[in-house]
Protein backbone atom coordinates (compact mmCIF):
# COMPACT_ATOMS: atom_id res chain seq x y z
CA UNK A 1 132.67 40.81 4.68
CA UNK A 2 131.65 44.07 3.02
CA UNK A 3 130.06 41.90 -0.07
CA UNK A 4 128.16 39.35 2.06
CA UNK A 5 126.71 41.83 4.28
CA UNK A 6 125.67 44.05 1.09
CA UNK A 7 124.19 40.54 -0.31
CA UNK A 8 122.11 40.06 3.36
CA UNK A 9 121.03 43.04 2.96
CA UNK A 10 119.27 42.86 -0.73
CA UNK A 11 117.76 39.18 0.48
CA UNK A 12 115.83 39.87 3.82
CA UNK A 13 113.89 42.91 1.86
CA UNK A 14 112.79 39.80 -0.68
CA UNK A 15 112.82 37.02 2.28
CA UNK A 16 110.51 38.91 4.18
CA UNK A 17 107.77 39.81 0.73
CA UNK A 18 107.59 36.20 0.18
CA UNK A 19 106.52 35.43 3.75
CA UNK A 20 103.28 37.57 3.15
CA UNK A 21 101.13 37.83 -0.20
CA UNK A 22 97.49 36.52 -1.90
CA UNK A 23 96.80 33.39 -4.15
CA UNK A 24 94.19 33.13 -6.25
CA UNK A 25 92.77 29.50 -6.56
CA UNK A 26 90.52 27.85 -8.75
CA UNK A 27 88.49 25.02 -6.09
CA UNK A 28 86.62 21.58 -8.41
CA UNK A 29 84.47 20.07 -6.40
CA UNK A 30 83.03 16.53 -8.26
CA UNK A 31 79.31 16.67 -8.10
CA UNK A 32 78.20 13.80 -6.22
CA UNK A 33 74.46 14.22 -7.43
CA UNK A 34 72.28 11.01 -7.46
CA UNK A 35 70.08 12.12 -9.96
CA UNK A 36 67.16 9.10 -10.57
CA UNK A 37 67.34 7.42 -14.09
CA UNK A 38 64.37 9.24 -15.27
CA UNK A 39 66.16 12.26 -15.05
CA UNK A 40 68.99 11.00 -17.66
CA UNK A 41 68.50 14.05 -19.26
CA UNK A 42 68.69 16.84 -16.54
CA UNK A 43 71.75 14.32 -15.19
CA UNK A 44 73.50 14.49 -18.34
CA UNK A 45 73.45 18.66 -18.74
CA UNK A 46 74.90 19.13 -15.16
CA UNK A 47 78.70 19.58 -14.89
CA UNK A 48 80.57 17.36 -13.48
CA UNK A 49 82.46 19.59 -11.08
CA UNK A 50 81.38 23.07 -9.27
CA UNK A 51 83.91 25.09 -10.06
CA UNK A 52 84.56 27.69 -7.70
CA UNK A 53 87.25 31.01 -7.44
CA UNK A 54 89.38 31.38 -3.92
CA UNK A 55 91.40 33.78 -2.56
CA UNK A 56 94.31 32.80 0.36
CA UNK A 57 95.32 35.56 1.76
CA UNK A 58 98.65 34.71 3.92
CA UNK A 59 101.35 36.38 6.39
CA UNK A 60 103.96 34.77 8.91
CA UNK A 61 101.73 34.44 11.59
CA UNK A 62 98.92 32.57 9.65
CA UNK A 63 96.63 31.98 6.61
CA UNK A 64 93.04 33.53 5.34
CA UNK A 65 91.35 31.12 3.04
CA UNK A 66 87.95 32.75 1.59
CA UNK A 67 85.77 32.60 -1.58
CA UNK A 68 86.01 35.62 -4.29
CA UNK A 69 82.38 37.55 -3.95
CA UNK A 70 80.79 36.22 -6.90
CA UNK A 71 81.22 40.35 -8.85
CA UNK A 72 84.63 39.74 -8.70
CA UNK A 73 85.35 36.22 -10.16
CA UNK A 74 85.92 35.13 -13.65
CA UNK A 75 83.05 33.56 -15.50
CA UNK A 76 85.59 32.01 -17.87
CA UNK A 77 85.75 28.35 -19.18
CA UNK A 78 84.22 25.29 -16.84
CA UNK A 79 82.41 27.78 -14.62
CA UNK A 80 78.37 27.64 -14.19
CA UNK A 81 76.48 29.86 -15.37
CA UNK A 82 73.82 31.56 -13.64
CA UNK A 83 70.93 29.45 -15.31
CA UNK A 84 73.14 26.64 -13.94
CA UNK A 85 73.91 27.73 -10.96
CA UNK A 86 69.99 28.17 -10.02
CA UNK A 87 69.17 24.29 -11.00
CA UNK A 88 72.36 22.85 -9.65
CA UNK A 89 70.95 24.30 -6.42
CA UNK A 90 67.79 22.64 -6.20
CA UNK A 91 69.22 19.44 -7.24
CA UNK A 92 71.50 19.54 -4.87
CA UNK A 93 68.85 20.01 -2.28
CA UNK A 94 66.56 17.06 -3.88
CA UNK A 95 69.17 14.89 -4.68
CA UNK A 96 73.06 15.81 -3.35
CA UNK A 97 75.29 13.97 -0.50
CA UNK A 98 76.77 16.24 1.92
CA UNK A 99 79.32 17.85 -0.56
CA UNK A 100 75.98 19.44 -1.81
CA UNK A 101 74.40 20.36 1.29
CA UNK A 102 77.67 21.89 2.88
CA UNK A 103 78.91 25.29 1.42
CA UNK A 104 82.66 25.98 3.15
CA UNK A 105 83.43 29.87 3.78
CA UNK A 106 86.73 30.68 5.32
CA UNK A 107 89.38 28.72 7.03
CA UNK A 108 92.23 30.47 9.23
CA UNK A 109 95.09 28.52 10.06
CA UNK A 110 97.65 29.85 12.97
CA UNK A 111 101.04 28.58 12.18
CA UNK A 112 102.22 29.56 15.42
CA UNK A 113 99.96 26.70 17.67
CA UNK A 114 98.38 24.91 14.67
CA UNK A 115 94.65 25.52 15.34
CA UNK A 116 92.33 25.87 12.09
CA UNK A 117 89.13 27.63 12.41
CA UNK A 118 86.58 27.60 10.03
CA UNK A 119 82.92 28.98 9.16
CA UNK A 120 80.58 26.59 6.66
CA UNK A 121 76.88 26.89 6.14
CA UNK A 122 74.57 24.06 6.52
CA UNK A 123 71.17 24.30 4.91
CA UNK A 124 71.19 28.08 5.90
CA UNK A 125 72.69 28.05 9.00
CA UNK A 126 76.49 28.52 9.71
CA UNK A 127 78.64 27.10 11.96
CA UNK A 128 82.43 28.18 13.26
CA UNK A 129 84.64 25.48 14.65
CA UNK A 130 88.44 25.63 16.09
CA UNK A 131 91.24 22.81 16.53
CA UNK A 132 93.93 21.41 15.43
CA UNK A 133 95.05 21.35 11.95
CA UNK A 134 94.80 17.66 10.51
CA UNK A 135 98.47 16.52 10.51
CA UNK A 136 99.45 15.03 7.29
CA UNK A 137 102.16 12.52 6.91
CA UNK A 138 103.41 13.61 4.03
CA UNK A 139 105.60 11.92 1.92
CA UNK A 140 108.44 14.53 -0.17
CA UNK A 141 108.80 13.36 -3.71
CA UNK A 142 112.29 14.23 -5.80
CA UNK A 143 109.68 14.93 -8.50
CA UNK A 144 109.76 18.51 -9.77
CA UNK A 145 108.36 20.82 -12.40
CA UNK A 146 107.72 24.63 -12.46
CA UNK A 147 104.12 26.13 -11.97
CA UNK A 148 103.36 30.25 -12.27
CA UNK A 149 107.30 30.41 -12.00
CA UNK A 150 107.58 28.75 -9.31
CA UNK A 151 109.57 25.44 -8.90
CA UNK A 152 107.47 22.84 -7.14
CA UNK A 153 107.95 19.57 -5.37
CA UNK A 154 105.16 16.61 -5.26
CA UNK A 155 104.27 15.96 -1.63
CA UNK A 156 102.14 12.47 -0.96
CA UNK A 157 99.56 11.92 2.10
CA UNK A 158 96.66 9.48 2.88
CA UNK A 159 93.89 10.65 5.39
CA UNK A 160 91.03 9.37 6.04
CA UNK A 161 90.84 7.04 3.23
CA UNK A 162 91.77 9.65 0.77
CA UNK A 163 94.80 10.06 -1.12
CA UNK A 164 96.32 13.64 -1.42
CA UNK A 165 98.80 14.56 -3.69
CA UNK A 166 99.75 18.09 -3.23
CA UNK A 167 102.43 20.52 -4.93
CA UNK A 168 104.22 23.30 -3.37
CA UNK A 169 106.97 25.72 -3.53
CA UNK A 170 109.85 26.66 -0.96
CA UNK A 171 110.51 30.01 -3.00
CA UNK A 172 107.28 31.03 -0.74
CA UNK A 173 108.82 29.98 2.44
CA UNK A 174 104.85 29.86 4.59
CA UNK A 175 103.50 26.31 5.87
CA UNK A 176 100.35 27.57 4.25
CA UNK A 177 97.70 25.97 1.38
CA UNK A 178 94.43 26.25 0.29
CA UNK A 179 91.53 24.77 3.36
CA UNK A 180 93.06 22.40 5.89
CA UNK A 181 96.07 21.49 4.03
CA UNK A 182 99.44 22.90 4.75
CA UNK A 183 102.29 22.15 7.04
CA UNK A 184 105.20 21.65 4.30
CA UNK A 185 108.42 23.87 3.96
CA UNK A 186 107.13 25.87 1.60
CA UNK A 187 103.29 26.98 0.07
CA UNK A 188 100.96 24.20 -1.44
CA UNK A 189 99.81 25.60 -5.08
CA UNK A 190 98.03 22.90 -6.77
CA UNK A 191 96.53 20.03 -3.99
CA UNK A 192 94.55 17.19 -5.93
CA UNK A 193 92.56 14.47 -3.74
CA UNK A 194 91.15 11.32 -4.76
CA UNK A 195 92.55 11.77 -8.47
CA UNK A 196 90.56 14.87 -8.42
CA UNK A 197 87.48 14.59 -6.93
CA UNK A 198 89.01 17.69 -5.02
CA UNK A 199 91.43 19.97 -6.79
CA UNK A 200 92.64 23.49 -6.04
CA UNK A 201 94.48 25.08 -8.36
CA UNK A 202 96.40 28.29 -8.21
CA UNK A 203 96.19 31.18 -11.01
CA UNK A 204 98.08 33.93 -9.80
CA UNK A 205 100.20 34.82 -7.12
CA UNK A 206 101.22 38.08 -5.35
CA UNK A 207 103.39 38.63 -2.64
CA UNK A 208 104.45 41.61 -0.69
CA UNK A 209 100.72 42.91 -0.11
CA UNK A 210 97.30 41.06 1.10
CA UNK A 211 95.10 43.93 -0.48
CA UNK A 212 92.39 45.05 1.95
CA UNK A 213 92.07 41.82 3.54
CA UNK A 214 93.37 41.22 7.34
CA UNK A 215 94.83 37.81 8.30
CA UNK A 216 92.98 36.18 10.99
CA UNK A 217 90.32 33.91 12.44
CA UNK A 218 86.76 34.03 11.64
CA UNK A 219 83.86 35.51 13.89
CA UNK A 220 80.81 34.52 12.29
CA UNK A 221 78.31 31.68 13.21
CA UNK A 222 77.57 29.85 16.13
CA UNK A 223 80.46 28.23 17.42
CA UNK A 224 80.43 24.34 18.11
CA UNK A 225 82.99 21.87 18.17
CA UNK A 226 83.90 19.94 15.56
CA UNK A 227 81.77 16.59 17.43
CA UNK A 228 78.76 18.73 17.71
CA UNK A 229 79.04 19.72 14.27
CA UNK A 230 79.57 16.49 12.79
CA UNK A 231 76.48 15.19 14.41
CA UNK A 232 74.64 17.94 13.25
CA UNK A 233 75.38 17.10 10.00
CA UNK A 234 75.01 13.03 10.44
CA UNK A 235 71.64 14.02 11.78
CA UNK A 236 70.50 16.37 8.62
CA UNK A 237 71.84 14.07 6.36
CA UNK A 238 69.26 11.34 7.50
CA UNK A 239 66.42 13.53 7.57
CA UNK A 240 66.92 14.36 3.85
CA UNK A 241 67.58 10.72 2.79
CA UNK A 242 64.01 10.22 4.84
CA UNK A 243 62.45 12.91 3.05
CA UNK A 244 63.93 11.47 -0.14
CA UNK A 245 63.04 7.74 0.62
CA UNK A 246 59.70 8.90 1.31
CA UNK A 247 59.29 10.91 -2.38
CA UNK A 248 60.16 7.74 -4.15
CA UNK A 249 57.69 5.80 -2.57
CA UNK A 250 54.97 8.50 -3.52
CA UNK A 251 56.31 8.14 -6.94
CA UNK A 252 54.54 5.34 -8.36
CA UNK A 253 51.27 6.69 -7.33
CA UNK A 254 51.65 10.13 -8.48
């Protein structure tokens, strides 16, 4: 009995530290630029994915994800340099779809009530939305691998016409994950949507500390409902498409 008590005392601190930490991620979004045929040279020079360094901080109550500030990010292989970033920003405005016009800022998930609070920037304006986190009907696989020193297990789900593949570890026993993804019996370290159209990959895990970041919901931006935000997005994308169509109609006469 004494031996068992000693083991429990040793395991409790380790379990507690695994319920608080920070995970560095790379987020890769496939570029959806519809560049005209006559701009083939530019189109061929644009990267296939836009890569951003992200940070997920969590404790037993919730998780917060946000981009890593530019001065802290690592300009490694696959990341865009400043010149390409500027050119891509111009192309986004002219030819990009929703992913190009919209910028993710922060997302907070409360584990207690399952709410998701997000802030996003759309064409220079910041919006904040709160509501239930998407409920993914995960199908767990027996397939397992080792990733960053953790045993990860595969899970699959279908949501709004997209196929989601996640790899999670029960060695970090909180239902956290990058962005809106989570709800598994452990923390997600890799998520792939539609075969890599959206890809989150953990690059480092540090348990037992959140650094200087507090885990809580964002407060910036104009508060709107999810339905109101989707209406705003649809209206803005329609305006962009109308301007694009007008530009195409003028082109033969320029």
